[in-house]
N, C-alpha and C. Protein backbone atom coordinates (compact mmCIF):
# COMPACT_ATOMS: atom_id res chain seq x y z
N MET A 1 8.28 -18.61 -3.75
CA MET A 1 8.28 -17.22 -4.17
C MET A 1 7.43 -16.43 -3.19
N MET A 2 7.90 -15.23 -2.87
CA MET A 2 7.16 -14.35 -1.98
C MET A 2 7.27 -12.93 -2.52
N ALA A 3 6.20 -12.17 -2.40
CA ALA A 3 6.21 -10.77 -2.82
C ALA A 3 5.58 -9.92 -1.72
N ILE A 4 6.19 -8.78 -1.46
CA ILE A 4 5.66 -7.82 -0.50
C ILE A 4 5.42 -6.51 -1.26
N ASN A 5 4.20 -6.01 -1.19
CA ASN A 5 3.81 -4.79 -1.90
C ASN A 5 4.14 -4.88 -3.38
N GLY A 6 3.98 -6.07 -3.96
CA GLY A 6 4.20 -6.26 -5.39
C GLY A 6 5.64 -6.46 -5.82
N GLU A 7 6.58 -6.43 -4.87
CA GLU A 7 7.99 -6.62 -5.18
C GLU A 7 8.44 -8.01 -4.72
N GLU A 8 9.08 -8.78 -5.63
CA GLU A 8 9.55 -10.11 -5.28
C GLU A 8 10.63 -10.03 -4.21
N VAL A 9 10.56 -10.93 -3.25
CA VAL A 9 11.51 -10.98 -2.14
C VAL A 9 12.25 -12.31 -2.22
N GLN A 10 13.56 -12.25 -2.15
CA GLN A 10 14.38 -13.46 -2.15
C GLN A 10 14.65 -13.87 -0.71
N ILE A 11 14.28 -15.09 -0.36
CA ILE A 11 14.50 -15.62 0.98
C ILE A 11 15.77 -16.46 0.95
N GLY A 12 16.67 -16.23 1.88
CA GLY A 12 17.93 -16.97 1.95
C GLY A 12 17.75 -18.38 2.44
N SER A 13 18.84 -19.09 2.58
CA SER A 13 18.80 -20.51 2.99
C SER A 13 18.30 -20.69 4.41
N SER A 14 18.36 -19.64 5.24
CA SER A 14 17.84 -19.75 6.61
C SER A 14 16.32 -19.85 6.62
N GLY A 15 15.68 -19.33 5.57
CA GLY A 15 14.22 -19.36 5.51
C GLY A 15 13.56 -18.22 6.25
N TYR A 16 14.37 -17.31 6.81
CA TYR A 16 13.81 -16.19 7.59
C TYR A 16 13.91 -14.90 6.79
N TYR A 17 12.86 -14.09 6.91
CA TYR A 17 12.87 -12.75 6.33
C TYR A 17 12.17 -11.84 7.33
N GLU A 18 12.82 -10.79 7.77
CA GLU A 18 12.27 -9.95 8.82
C GLU A 18 12.17 -8.50 8.36
N LEU A 19 11.04 -7.89 8.66
CA LEU A 19 10.82 -6.47 8.37
C LEU A 19 10.51 -5.76 9.67
N ASN A 20 11.11 -4.62 9.88
CA ASN A 20 10.80 -3.79 11.04
C ASN A 20 10.39 -2.41 10.55
N GLU A 21 9.31 -1.87 11.12
CA GLU A 21 8.87 -0.51 10.78
C GLU A 21 8.68 -0.35 9.28
N PHE A 22 7.91 -1.25 8.67
CA PHE A 22 7.68 -1.23 7.22
C PHE A 22 6.20 -1.43 6.97
N ASN A 23 5.59 -0.59 6.15
CA ASN A 23 4.16 -0.73 5.83
C ASN A 23 3.97 -1.80 4.76
N VAL A 24 3.25 -2.85 5.11
CA VAL A 24 2.94 -3.92 4.17
C VAL A 24 1.49 -3.76 3.73
N ASN A 25 1.30 -3.50 2.45
CA ASN A 25 -0.05 -3.36 1.89
C ASN A 25 -0.54 -4.66 1.28
N SER A 26 0.39 -5.49 0.80
CA SER A 26 0.00 -6.78 0.23
C SER A 26 1.13 -7.78 0.43
N LEU A 27 0.74 -9.05 0.56
CA LEU A 27 1.69 -10.13 0.75
C LEU A 27 1.23 -11.30 -0.11
N CYS A 28 2.14 -11.88 -0.86
CA CYS A 28 1.83 -13.02 -1.72
C CYS A 28 2.86 -14.11 -1.47
N VAL A 29 2.40 -15.34 -1.21
CA VAL A 29 3.29 -16.48 -1.04
C VAL A 29 2.81 -17.57 -1.98
N VAL A 30 3.73 -18.11 -2.79
CA VAL A 30 3.38 -19.17 -3.73
C VAL A 30 4.06 -20.45 -3.29
N ALA A 31 3.27 -21.48 -3.00
CA ALA A 31 3.80 -22.78 -2.59
C ALA A 31 4.01 -23.64 -3.83
N ASP A 32 5.02 -24.51 -3.77
CA ASP A 32 5.35 -25.37 -4.90
C ASP A 32 4.52 -26.65 -4.90
N GLY A 33 3.94 -26.99 -3.78
CA GLY A 33 3.14 -28.21 -3.69
C GLY A 33 2.52 -28.35 -2.31
N PRO A 34 1.75 -29.40 -2.08
CA PRO A 34 1.05 -29.56 -0.80
C PRO A 34 1.98 -29.78 0.40
N LYS A 35 3.24 -30.15 0.16
CA LYS A 35 4.17 -30.36 1.27
C LYS A 35 4.91 -29.09 1.65
N ASP A 36 4.78 -28.03 0.86
CA ASP A 36 5.41 -26.75 1.21
C ASP A 36 4.61 -26.09 2.32
N THR A 37 5.30 -25.69 3.37
CA THR A 37 4.63 -25.04 4.49
C THR A 37 5.37 -23.76 4.85
N PHE A 38 4.68 -22.84 5.50
CA PHE A 38 5.32 -21.62 5.97
C PHE A 38 4.56 -21.10 7.19
N VAL A 39 5.23 -20.29 7.97
CA VAL A 39 4.64 -19.64 9.14
C VAL A 39 4.81 -18.15 8.95
N LEU A 40 3.73 -17.42 9.15
CA LEU A 40 3.75 -15.96 9.04
C LEU A 40 3.45 -15.41 10.42
N ASP A 41 4.43 -14.77 11.02
CA ASP A 41 4.28 -14.18 12.34
C ASP A 41 4.23 -12.67 12.15
N TYR A 42 3.16 -12.04 12.62
CA TYR A 42 3.03 -10.62 12.38
C TYR A 42 2.37 -9.91 13.57
N GLN A 43 2.53 -8.61 13.61
CA GLN A 43 1.87 -7.78 14.60
C GLN A 43 1.14 -6.68 13.84
N TYR A 44 -0.17 -6.59 14.03
CA TYR A 44 -0.99 -5.57 13.37
C TYR A 44 -0.98 -4.31 14.22
N ILE A 45 -0.53 -3.21 13.64
CA ILE A 45 -0.48 -1.93 14.35
C ILE A 45 -1.31 -0.92 13.58
N ARG A 46 -2.23 -0.30 14.23
CA ARG A 46 -3.06 0.72 13.59
C ARG A 46 -2.40 2.04 13.57
């Protein structure tokens, strides 16, 4: 499960979710167990 700005996001079977030109105030990722892994690639712009 993943939520961006408090809204649940459904990730497809590819496992990729991409945002362009979107303000992210909060991000939540819930793992199902110790073997669940994820990579978060981001660019911080002021």
